Amino acid sequence: MKDPTFWILARASGLTAYVLLTLSVLAGLVVKAKPFGKAVRQPTVIDLHRFLALLGLGAIAIHGITLVLDTTVKITPAALFVPGLVPYRPLWTALGVLAAACASGSASRTGGACTTRPTSFSLRQPCTGSPPGPTRRDRGRSGSTSARSAPSAPRRPGAC
């Protein structure tokens, strides 16, 4: 009998990814819907949402690696990125490949963005650029338009 280690790891990491990403979606829904009102701090739930999503993406990566290393079904590294290349249940494995691509794509879209609110644990880097110039509301209160012509500090490349 063959060693079932990679078969077990592949299944366990797949189920773990499924649970972590489900919990991440639920945390994201709590952020938007606010069903608990002020009983739950929004920054804490946002950080939990991001952390669970990151752990879920790690579990997806482990799942893919262990699928390639498992000898029960021959899966090539290319089959992890191209839907339909796996002969075992091609529809379901193709949907899994597409789901992993969507999950990693949505993480790359939001993972590099900046926030101006520093938190105790955040996956996003706080903005370090210069503060924005005066707004129209600020100019209206002072009655002067000189703030409009004042040069702002130059921004560093990559700053928000």
Foldseek 3Di string as FASTA:
>chain_A
DDDCVLVVLLVVLVVLLVVLLVVLVVLVCCLVVVPVPPPDDNVVSVQSSLVSLVVSLVSLVSNLVSVCVDPPFHDDNVCLQAQQPGPPPRVVSSVVSVVSVVSVVVCVVPQADEDCDDDPDHSYHHFDWFDDFDDPVVCVVVVDCVSVVDDGDDTDPSGD
